[in-house]
Amino acid sequence: MAKGKVTLSGMAFYGYHGYYTEENKLGNHYTVDLSVSTNFEHVKDELEGTINYEVLYQLTEKVMKEPFKLLETLAYKVVKSVFQEFSEAESVHITIKKNQPPIGAICDFAAVELDINRSELTD
């Protein structure tokens, strides 16, 4: 079996995610890394039947435009949309970084990582 991954690294977005009202008003810069595991055995040099990374970007961008309180919820929504779009996706790993989070101290980023197999997906 030809297992492999399709990965997008360093996708940059501006979004209005956060628990506090000021975060929802001001917004922040986010960086997203997304990796989708699949089987390349039946790929025939066509986009159909594989994980199209342009579509991965579009799915991520769409979810990033929706406001969420928690990065965990945001990450789960991206993963869920990947599984809904690509039946050949076996597992998804995502890292979402909130750059310079408002924690009252110097901090490059706060991050959430999620690694889900299709069989673990709920609702």
N, C-alpha and C. Protein backbone atom coordinates (compact mmCIF):
# COMPACT_ATOMS: atom_id res chain seq x y z
N MET A 1 0.84 -1.17 0.00
CA MET A 1 0.00 0.00 0.00
C MET A 1 0.89 1.24 0.00
N ALA A 2 0.56 2.23 -0.81
CA ALA A 2 1.36 3.45 -0.96
C ALA A 2 0.78 4.56 -0.09
N LYS A 3 1.07 4.50 1.20
CA LYS A 3 0.59 5.53 2.11
C LYS A 3 1.41 6.80 1.92
N GLY A 4 0.74 7.93 2.06
CA GLY A 4 1.44 9.20 1.93
C GLY A 4 0.65 10.32 2.58
N LYS A 5 1.18 11.54 2.46
CA LYS A 5 0.54 12.72 3.04
C LYS A 5 0.57 13.86 2.04
N VAL A 6 -0.47 14.66 2.08
CA VAL A 6 -0.51 15.93 1.37
C VAL A 6 -0.49 17.00 2.46
N THR A 7 0.46 17.93 2.37
CA THR A 7 0.68 18.90 3.44
C THR A 7 0.71 20.32 2.91
N LEU A 8 0.08 21.21 3.64
CA LEU A 8 0.20 22.65 3.42
C LEU A 8 0.78 23.23 4.70
N SER A 9 1.87 23.98 4.57
CA SER A 9 2.56 24.50 5.75
C SER A 9 2.64 26.03 5.68
N GLY A 10 2.35 26.66 6.80
CA GLY A 10 2.51 28.11 6.89
C GLY A 10 1.40 28.92 6.24
N MET A 11 0.19 28.36 6.15
CA MET A 11 -0.93 29.14 5.61
C MET A 11 -1.21 30.30 6.57
N ALA A 12 -1.31 31.51 6.05
CA ALA A 12 -1.49 32.69 6.89
C ALA A 12 -2.90 33.25 6.71
N PHE A 13 -3.53 33.56 7.85
CA PHE A 13 -4.89 34.10 7.85
C PHE A 13 -5.00 35.19 8.90
N TYR A 14 -5.98 36.05 8.72
CA TYR A 14 -6.37 37.01 9.75
C TYR A 14 -7.78 36.63 10.16
N GLY A 15 -7.99 36.46 11.46
CA GLY A 15 -9.29 36.02 11.91
C GLY A 15 -9.69 36.65 13.23
N TYR A 16 -10.93 36.43 13.60
CA TYR A 16 -11.51 37.03 14.80
C TYR A 16 -11.91 35.94 15.79
N HIS A 17 -10.92 35.17 16.22
CA HIS A 17 -11.15 34.06 17.13
C HIS A 17 -10.64 34.44 18.52
N GLY A 18 -11.37 34.04 19.52
CA GLY A 18 -10.91 34.28 20.88
C GLY A 18 -12.06 34.27 21.85
N TYR A 19 -11.72 34.04 23.08
CA TYR A 19 -12.72 33.95 24.12
C TYR A 19 -13.18 35.34 24.58
N TYR A 20 -12.27 36.31 24.48
CA TYR A 20 -12.57 37.64 24.99
C TYR A 20 -13.08 38.57 23.89
N THR A 21 -13.98 39.47 24.27
CA THR A 21 -14.63 40.38 23.33
C THR A 21 -13.62 41.16 22.51
N GLU A 22 -12.55 41.64 23.13
CA GLU A 22 -11.55 42.43 22.41
C GLU A 22 -10.88 41.62 21.30
N GLU A 23 -10.71 40.32 21.51
CA GLU A 23 -10.12 39.47 20.46
C GLU A 23 -11.06 39.38 19.26
N ASN A 24 -12.36 39.34 19.53
CA ASN A 24 -13.34 39.25 18.45
C ASN A 24 -13.44 40.55 17.66
N LYS A 25 -13.15 41.67 18.31
CA LYS A 25 -13.20 42.97 17.64
C LYS A 25 -11.91 43.28 16.88
N LEU A 26 -10.77 43.02 17.52
CA LEU A 26 -9.47 43.40 16.93
C LEU A 26 -8.95 42.36 15.94
N GLY A 27 -9.21 41.10 16.20
CA GLY A 27 -8.68 40.04 15.36
C GLY A 27 -7.21 39.78 15.62
N ASN A 28 -6.66 38.84 14.87
CA ASN A 28 -5.26 38.46 15.06
C ASN A 28 -4.78 37.70 13.83
N HIS A 29 -3.46 37.54 13.75
CA HIS A 29 -2.84 36.75 12.68
C HIS A 29 -2.72 35.30 13.15
N TYR A 30 -3.01 34.39 12.23
CA TYR A 30 -2.96 32.96 12.50
C TYR A 30 -2.14 32.26 11.44
N THR A 31 -1.45 31.21 11.85
CA THR A 31 -0.71 30.36 10.92
C THR A 31 -1.23 28.93 11.07
N VAL A 32 -1.50 28.29 9.94
CA VAL A 32 -2.07 26.94 9.96
C VAL A 32 -1.20 26.00 9.15
N ASP A 33 -0.89 24.85 9.75
CA ASP A 33 -0.24 23.74 9.06
C ASP A 33 -1.24 22.59 9.03
N LEU A 34 -1.39 21.99 7.86
CA LEU A 34 -2.39 20.94 7.68
C LEU A 34 -1.77 19.79 6.89
N SER A 35 -1.93 18.58 7.41
CA SER A 35 -1.39 17.40 6.75
C SER A 35 -2.47 16.32 6.71
N VAL A 36 -2.70 15.77 5.52
CA VAL A 36 -3.75 14.77 5.34
C VAL A 36 -3.12 13.46 4.85
N SER A 37 -3.32 12.39 5.60
CA SER A 37 -2.81 11.07 5.22
C SER A 37 -3.80 10.38 4.30
N THR A 38 -3.26 9.71 3.29
CA THR A 38 -4.10 9.04 2.31
C THR A 38 -3.32 7.89 1.69
N ASN A 39 -3.97 7.20 0.79
CA ASN A 39 -3.35 6.10 0.05
C ASN A 39 -3.14 6.56 -1.39
N PHE A 40 -1.89 6.58 -1.84
CA PHE A 40 -1.57 7.02 -3.19
C PHE A 40 -1.57 5.88 -4.22
N GLU A 41 -1.90 4.69 -3.79
CA GLU A 41 -1.80 3.50 -4.64
C GLU A 41 -2.62 3.61 -5.93
N HIS A 42 -3.78 4.24 -5.86
CA HIS A 42 -4.67 4.27 -7.03
C HIS A 42 -4.66 5.61 -7.76
N VAL A 43 -3.73 6.50 -7.44
CA VAL A 43 -3.65 7.81 -8.10
C VAL A 43 -3.14 7.61 -9.52
N LYS A 44 -3.83 8.22 -10.47
CA LYS A 44 -3.49 8.05 -11.88
C LYS A 44 -3.06 9.37 -12.53
N ASP A 45 -2.28 10.18 -11.82
CA ASP A 45 -1.75 11.44 -12.31
C ASP A 45 -2.85 12.43 -12.70
N GLU A 46 -3.95 12.36 -11.98
CA GLU A 46 -5.07 13.29 -12.15
C GLU A 46 -5.49 13.77 -10.76
N LEU A 47 -6.09 14.95 -10.69
CA LEU A 47 -6.51 15.48 -9.40
C LEU A 47 -7.63 14.65 -8.76
N GLU A 48 -8.49 14.08 -9.59
CA GLU A 48 -9.53 13.24 -9.05
C GLU A 48 -8.90 12.00 -8.40
N GLY A 49 -9.34 11.69 -7.22
CA GLY A 49 -8.82 10.51 -6.54
C GLY A 49 -7.66 10.81 -5.62
N THR A 50 -7.25 12.07 -5.52
CA THR A 50 -6.19 12.41 -4.58
C THR A 50 -6.68 13.58 -3.73
N ILE A 51 -5.84 14.05 -2.84
CA ILE A 51 -6.16 15.19 -1.99
C ILE A 51 -5.62 16.44 -2.69
N ASN A 52 -6.51 17.24 -3.21
CA ASN A 52 -6.14 18.46 -3.94
C ASN A 52 -5.78 19.55 -2.93
N TYR A 53 -4.52 19.98 -2.90
CA TYR A 53 -4.11 20.94 -1.88
C TYR A 53 -4.69 22.33 -2.10
N GLU A 54 -5.13 22.65 -3.32
CA GLU A 54 -5.83 23.92 -3.54
C GLU A 54 -7.19 23.90 -2.82
N VAL A 55 -7.86 22.77 -2.90
CA VAL A 55 -9.15 22.61 -2.20
C VAL A 55 -8.92 22.60 -0.69
N LEU A 56 -7.84 21.98 -0.22
CA LEU A 56 -7.51 22.01 1.21
C LEU A 56 -7.39 23.44 1.70
N TYR A 57 -6.70 24.27 0.92
CA TYR A 57 -6.55 25.67 1.29
C TYR A 57 -7.91 26.36 1.36
N GLN A 58 -8.74 26.15 0.36
CA GLN A 58 -10.06 26.78 0.31
C GLN A 58 -10.94 26.37 1.49
N LEU A 59 -10.89 25.09 1.85
CA LEU A 59 -11.65 24.60 3.01
C LEU A 59 -11.17 25.28 4.29
N THR A 60 -9.86 25.36 4.45
CA THR A 60 -9.27 25.99 5.63
C THR A 60 -9.64 27.46 5.70
N GLU A 61 -9.50 28.14 4.57
CA GLU A 61 -9.82 29.57 4.51
C GLU A 61 -11.28 29.82 4.89
N LYS A 62 -12.18 29.00 4.39
CA LYS A 62 -13.61 29.16 4.68
C LYS A 62 -13.88 29.05 6.18
N VAL A 63 -13.30 28.04 6.82
CA VAL A 63 -13.51 27.86 8.26
C VAL A 63 -12.84 28.98 9.05
N MET A 64 -11.67 29.43 8.61
CA MET A 64 -10.95 30.49 9.32
C MET A 64 -11.72 31.81 9.30
N LYS A 65 -12.62 31.99 8.37
CA LYS A 65 -13.43 33.22 8.30
C LYS A 65 -14.56 33.23 9.32
N GLU A 66 -14.91 32.06 9.86
CA GLU A 66 -15.96 31.97 10.88
C GLU A 66 -15.34 32.26 12.25
N PRO A 67 -15.98 33.09 13.08
CA PRO A 67 -15.42 33.35 14.41
C PRO A 67 -15.69 32.20 15.38
N PHE A 68 -14.67 31.81 16.12
CA PHE A 68 -14.79 30.78 17.15
C PHE A 68 -14.13 31.28 18.42
N LYS A 69 -14.63 30.85 19.56
CA LYS A 69 -14.02 31.23 20.84
C LYS A 69 -12.72 30.48 21.08
N LEU A 70 -12.70 29.20 20.71
CA LEU A 70 -11.55 28.36 21.04
C LEU A 70 -10.83 27.87 19.79
N LEU A 71 -9.50 27.84 19.85
CA LEU A 71 -8.71 27.29 18.75
C LEU A 71 -9.01 25.80 18.56
N GLU A 72 -9.34 25.12 19.66
CA GLU A 72 -9.66 23.71 19.57
C GLU A 72 -10.88 23.47 18.68
N THR A 73 -11.90 24.32 18.85
CA THR A 73 -13.11 24.21 18.03
C THR A 73 -12.79 24.52 16.58
N LEU A 74 -12.01 25.55 16.36
CA LEU A 74 -11.59 25.94 15.02
C LEU A 74 -10.86 24.80 14.32
N ALA A 75 -9.91 24.19 15.01
CA ALA A 75 -9.14 23.08 14.44
C ALA A 75 -10.05 21.90 14.09
N TYR A 76 -10.96 21.57 15.00
CA TYR A 76 -11.87 20.46 14.76
C TYR A 76 -12.76 20.72 13.54
N LYS A 77 -13.22 21.95 13.37
CA LYS A 77 -14.08 22.29 12.22
C LYS A 77 -13.31 22.14 10.91
N VAL A 78 -12.04 22.52 10.89
CA VAL A 78 -11.24 22.34 9.67
C VAL A 78 -11.09 20.86 9.36
N VAL A 79 -10.73 20.08 10.37
CA VAL A 79 -10.55 18.64 10.19
C VAL A 79 -11.85 17.99 9.68
N LYS A 80 -12.95 18.34 10.28
CA LYS A 80 -14.24 17.78 9.88
C LYS A 80 -14.55 18.12 8.43
N SER A 81 -14.26 19.35 8.00
CA SER A 81 -14.53 19.74 6.60
C SER A 81 -13.63 18.97 5.63
N VAL A 82 -12.41 18.65 6.04
CA VAL A 82 -11.52 17.85 5.18
C VAL A 82 -12.09 16.45 4.99
N PHE A 83 -12.53 15.82 6.08
CA PHE A 83 -13.11 14.48 5.97
C PHE A 83 -14.39 14.48 5.14
N GLN A 84 -15.18 15.54 5.26
CA GLN A 84 -16.41 15.62 4.47
C GLN A 84 -16.12 15.77 2.98
N GLU A 85 -15.08 16.49 2.65
CA GLU A 85 -14.75 16.76 1.24
C GLU A 85 -14.01 15.60 0.57
N PHE A 86 -13.14 14.92 1.33
CA PHE A 86 -12.27 13.90 0.74
C PHE A 86 -12.50 12.54 1.40
N SER A 87 -13.19 11.66 0.70
CA SER A 87 -13.44 10.32 1.24
C SER A 87 -12.15 9.52 1.35
N GLU A 88 -11.13 9.90 0.58
CA GLU A 88 -9.86 9.17 0.62
C GLU A 88 -8.93 9.64 1.75
N ALA A 89 -9.33 10.66 2.52
CA ALA A 89 -8.54 11.12 3.67
C ALA A 89 -8.66 10.10 4.80
N GLU A 90 -7.53 9.60 5.27
CA GLU A 90 -7.53 8.60 6.34
C GLU A 90 -7.33 9.24 7.71
N SER A 91 -6.48 10.25 7.78
CA SER A 91 -6.27 10.98 9.03
C SER A 91 -5.83 12.40 8.68
N VAL A 92 -6.04 13.30 9.64
CA VAL A 92 -5.69 14.70 9.44
C VAL A 92 -4.95 15.20 10.67
N HIS A 93 -3.85 15.90 10.43
CA HIS A 93 -3.10 16.56 11.50
C HIS A 93 -3.13 18.06 11.20
N ILE A 94 -3.51 18.86 12.20
CA ILE A 94 -3.56 20.30 12.02
C ILE A 94 -2.91 20.99 13.22
N THR A 95 -2.19 22.05 12.93
CA THR A 95 -1.66 22.93 13.95
C THR A 95 -2.14 24.34 13.62
N ILE A 96 -2.78 24.99 14.58
CA ILE A 96 -3.20 26.37 14.41
C ILE A 96 -2.46 27.21 15.45
N LYS A 97 -1.76 28.24 14.97
CA LYS A 97 -1.02 29.14 15.85
C LYS A 97 -1.67 30.51 15.84
N LYS A 98 -1.93 31.02 17.01
CA LYS A 98 -2.38 32.41 17.17
C LYS A 98 -1.12 33.21 17.48
N ASN A 99 -0.72 34.05 16.54
CA ASN A 99 0.52 34.81 16.69
C ASN A 99 0.35 35.95 17.70
N GLN A 100 1.34 36.08 18.56
CA GLN A 100 1.37 37.10 19.61
C GLN A 100 0.03 37.21 20.34
N PRO A 101 -0.35 36.13 21.03
CA PRO A 101 -1.64 36.12 21.74
C PRO A 101 -1.67 37.16 22.86
N PRO A 102 -2.85 37.70 23.13
CA PRO A 102 -2.96 38.72 24.17
C PRO A 102 -2.98 38.12 25.58
N ILE A 103 -1.79 37.77 26.08
CA ILE A 103 -1.72 37.16 27.41
C ILE A 103 -1.00 38.05 28.42
N GLY A 104 -0.70 39.27 28.02
CA GLY A 104 -0.03 40.19 28.93
C GLY A 104 1.46 39.94 29.07
N ALA A 105 2.04 39.25 28.10
CA ALA A 105 3.47 38.95 28.13
C ALA A 105 3.94 38.75 26.70
N ILE A 106 5.25 38.75 26.50
CA ILE A 106 5.80 38.48 25.18
C ILE A 106 5.69 36.98 24.91
N CYS A 107 5.07 36.67 23.78
CA CYS A 107 4.87 35.26 23.40
C CYS A 107 4.72 35.20 21.89
N ASP A 108 5.55 34.41 21.22
CA ASP A 108 5.48 34.31 19.76
C ASP A 108 4.12 33.81 19.29
N PHE A 109 3.64 32.74 19.91
CA PHE A 109 2.34 32.19 19.51
C PHE A 109 1.80 31.24 20.56
N ALA A 110 0.49 31.07 20.53
CA ALA A 110 -0.19 29.99 21.25
C ALA A 110 -0.68 29.04 20.18
N ALA A 111 -0.62 27.75 20.43
CA ALA A 111 -0.97 26.79 19.38
C ALA A 111 -1.82 25.65 19.91
N VAL A 112 -2.61 25.11 18.99
CA VAL A 112 -3.38 23.91 19.24
C VAL A 112 -3.05 22.93 18.12
N GLU A 113 -2.80 21.68 18.49
CA GLU A 113 -2.57 20.62 17.50
C GLU A 113 -3.64 19.56 17.67
N LEU A 114 -4.10 19.06 16.56
CA LEU A 114 -5.13 18.03 16.57
C LEU A 114 -4.75 16.98 15.55
N ASP A 115 -4.84 15.73 15.95
CA ASP A 115 -4.52 14.60 15.08
C ASP A 115 -5.68 13.61 15.17
N ILE A 116 -6.45 13.49 14.09
CA ILE A 116 -7.66 12.65 14.13
C ILE A 116 -7.68 11.67 12.97
N ASN A 117 -7.96 10.40 13.27
CA ASN A 117 -8.23 9.41 12.24
C ASN A 117 -9.72 9.48 11.89
N ARG A 118 -10.04 9.12 10.67
CA ARG A 118 -11.44 9.16 10.23
C ARG A 118 -12.36 8.41 11.20
N SER A 119 -11.90 7.28 11.69
CA SER A 119 -12.73 6.46 12.59
C SER A 119 -13.00 7.15 13.93
N GLU A 120 -12.22 8.16 14.28
CA GLU A 120 -12.38 8.86 15.55
C GLU A 120 -13.30 10.08 15.44
N LEU A 121 -13.69 10.43 14.23
CA LEU A 121 -14.50 11.62 14.02
C LEU A 121 -15.87 11.44 14.67
N THR A 122 -16.30 12.44 15.42
CA THR A 122 -17.61 12.39 16.05
C THR A 122 -18.50 13.45 15.44
N ASP A 123 -19.77 13.30 15.57
CA ASP A 123 -20.86 14.13 15.02
C ASP A 123 -20.57 14.46 13.63
